[in-house]
């Protein structure tokens, strides 16, 4: 009797489906709970004050950077409570998982939409420098943006 690979292939396909569905469930939970800390103190009042100002600034310029500093402890609280920010980790972006990176990328896309002159390409370039993202990861992020049509 000769070996028929069909059952092994179907088992493999089912395992991959199961694992990908675990990823989907985790991403779904992140979508449901994304940035909820912004709705409570100490963050809420800070975002009430600074979001309109940030909207008018060019992402990554000196005034933008100063505004982030001005946001102080409340912004620090936000970073410390949301793992999709590189600042959450002691080793920055190197501490992140692929799930964190996916949420981070979606966050960058949405944040850019709030700026009057924001765009995803600019965000990628600024954040590459800001977070010390190596070329390989930067290219993967760029490929993901392109694949998603962002």
Protein backbone atom coordinates (compact mmCIF):
# COMPACT_ATOMS: atom_id res chain seq x y z
CA UNK A 1 0.00 0.00 0.00
CA UNK A 2 1.27 3.46 -0.86
CA UNK A 3 1.15 6.43 1.43
CA UNK A 4 -1.67 8.93 0.85
CA UNK A 5 -0.80 12.35 2.27
CA UNK A 6 -4.36 13.71 2.16
CA UNK A 7 -5.20 13.05 5.83
CA UNK A 8 -1.90 14.49 7.05
CA UNK A 9 -2.49 17.55 4.89
CA UNK A 10 -6.03 17.99 6.21
CA UNK A 11 -4.75 17.64 9.79
CA UNK A 12 -2.10 20.28 9.08
CA UNK A 13 -4.66 22.63 7.51
CA UNK A 14 -6.92 22.22 10.54
CA UNK A 15 -4.07 22.96 12.94
CA UNK A 16 -3.11 26.10 11.03
CA UNK A 17 -6.76 27.21 11.00
CA UNK A 18 -6.95 26.69 14.75
CA UNK A 19 -3.77 28.67 15.37
CA UNK A 20 -4.79 31.50 13.06
CA UNK A 21 -8.17 31.64 14.79
CA UNK A 22 -6.33 32.11 18.10
CA UNK A 23 -4.62 35.12 16.52
CA UNK A 24 -7.95 36.43 15.22
CA UNK A 25 -9.51 36.12 18.69
CA UNK A 26 -6.62 37.98 20.31
CA UNK A 27 -6.71 40.74 17.69
CA UNK A 28 -10.48 40.98 18.18
CA UNK A 29 -10.00 41.45 21.94
CA UNK A 30 -7.40 44.13 21.29
CA UNK A 31 -9.82 45.88 18.94
CA UNK A 32 -12.57 45.81 21.56
CA UNK A 33 -10.35 47.16 24.35
CA UNK A 34 -7.96 49.40 22.39
CA UNK A 35 -7.00 52.57 24.32
CA UNK A 36 -9.74 52.23 26.93
CA UNK A 37 -7.37 53.83 29.43
CA UNK A 38 -7.89 57.13 27.57
CA UNK A 39 -11.46 57.21 28.88
CA UNK A 40 -10.43 57.33 32.54
CA UNK A 41 -8.18 59.51 34.67
CA UNK A 42 -5.40 60.37 34.68
CA UNK A 43 -5.61 60.22 30.89
CA UNK A 44 -9.08 61.56 30.01
CA UNK A 45 -8.51 65.19 31.03
CA UNK A 46 -5.08 65.22 29.38
CA UNK A 47 -6.52 63.98 26.08
CA UNK A 48 -9.39 66.48 26.36
CA UNK A 49 -6.80 69.25 26.58
CA UNK A 50 -4.20 68.09 24.05
CA UNK A 51 -6.03 66.17 21.30
CA UNK A 52 -7.30 69.33 19.55
CA UNK A 53 -3.79 70.80 19.64
CA UNK A 54 -2.14 67.61 18.37
CA UNK A 55 -4.60 67.49 15.48
CA UNK A 56 -3.15 70.75 14.11
CA UNK A 57 0.50 69.74 14.46
CA UNK A 58 2.68 67.89 11.98
CA UNK A 59 3.48 64.48 13.40
CA UNK A 60 7.05 64.25 14.60
CA UNK A 61 8.02 67.92 14.33
CA UNK A 62 9.59 69.81 17.24
CA UNK A 63 6.30 71.33 18.42
CA UNK A 64 4.70 67.88 18.35
CA UNK A 65 7.56 66.44 20.42
CA UNK A 66 7.26 69.29 22.94
CA UNK A 67 3.53 68.72 23.23
CA UNK A 68 4.14 65.06 24.07
CA UNK A 69 6.52 66.18 26.83
CA UNK A 70 3.86 68.61 28.08
CA UNK A 71 1.37 65.74 28.34
CA UNK A 72 3.61 64.39 31.10
CA UNK A 73 2.53 61.76 33.63
CA UNK A 74 -0.83 61.06 31.97
CA UNK A 75 0.85 60.10 28.71
CA UNK A 76 3.36 58.01 30.65
CA UNK A 77 0.39 56.25 32.27
CA UNK A 78 -1.06 55.56 28.82
CA UNK A 79 2.16 54.02 27.56
CA UNK A 80 2.55 51.93 30.72
CA UNK A 81 -0.94 50.46 30.29
CA UNK A 82 -1.04 49.73 26.56
CA UNK A 83 1.35 47.14 25.15
CA UNK A 84 0.92 48.34 21.56
CA UNK A 85 3.23 51.25 22.41
CA UNK A 86 6.99 50.62 22.28
CA UNK A 87 7.28 52.74 25.45
CA UNK A 88 5.44 49.96 27.32
CA UNK A 89 8.57 47.79 27.14
CA UNK A 90 11.91 48.46 28.81
CA UNK A 91 13.59 47.48 25.53
CA UNK A 92 11.13 49.36 23.32
CA UNK A 93 9.98 47.85 20.06
CA UNK A 94 12.25 44.83 20.61
CA UNK A 95 9.97 43.75 23.46
CA UNK A 96 6.87 43.70 21.30
CA UNK A 97 5.08 40.69 19.87
CA UNK A 98 3.63 40.44 16.37
CA UNK A 99 0.22 41.09 17.93
CA UNK A 100 1.52 44.29 19.53
CA UNK A 101 3.00 45.32 16.17
CA UNK A 102 -0.28 44.76 14.34
CA UNK A 103 -2.19 46.85 16.88
CA UNK A 104 0.55 49.49 16.80
CA UNK A 105 0.36 49.73 13.02
CA UNK A 106 -3.44 50.12 13.12
CA UNK A 107 -3.00 52.76 15.83
CA UNK A 108 -0.52 54.67 13.67
CA UNK A 109 -2.93 54.57 10.74
CA UNK A 110 -5.84 55.84 12.85
CA UNK A 111 -3.73 58.49 14.60
CA UNK A 112 -2.52 59.84 11.27
CA UNK A 113 -6.12 60.27 10.17
CA UNK A 114 -6.63 62.72 13.08
CA UNK A 115 -3.87 65.05 11.89
CA UNK A 116 -4.76 67.63 9.26
CA UNK A 117 -1.61 66.69 7.31
CA UNK A 118 -1.11 63.12 8.52
CA UNK A 119 -0.29 60.18 6.31
CA UNK A 120 0.90 56.65 6.87
CA UNK A 121 4.17 57.00 4.96
CA UNK A 122 5.18 59.95 7.13
CA UNK A 123 4.25 58.02 10.27
CA UNK A 124 6.39 55.08 9.21
CA UNK A 125 9.40 57.28 8.51
CA UNK A 126 9.09 59.30 11.73
CA UNK A 127 8.52 56.21 13.84
CA UNK A 128 11.40 54.32 12.26
CA UNK A 129 13.71 56.99 13.66
CA UNK A 130 11.76 57.59 16.86
CA UNK A 131 11.76 53.94 17.92
CA UNK A 132 14.99 52.76 16.30
CA UNK A 133 13.22 50.34 13.99
CA UNK A 134 15.69 48.33 11.95
CA UNK A 135 15.37 48.23 8.17
CA UNK A 136 14.04 44.67 8.04
CA UNK A 137 11.13 45.36 10.40
CA UNK A 138 10.48 48.72 8.75
CA UNK A 139 10.16 46.96 5.41
CA UNK A 140 7.80 44.36 6.90
CA UNK A 141 5.63 47.15 8.33
CA UNK A 142 5.70 48.91 4.95
CA UNK A 143 4.72 45.68 3.18
CA UNK A 144 1.81 45.23 5.60
CA UNK A 145 0.62 48.80 4.98
CA UNK A 146 0.76 48.18 1.26
CA UNK A 147 -1.02 44.82 1.50
CA UNK A 148 -3.83 46.38 3.56
CA UNK A 149 -4.14 49.34 1.20
CA UNK A 150 -3.37 51.87 3.94
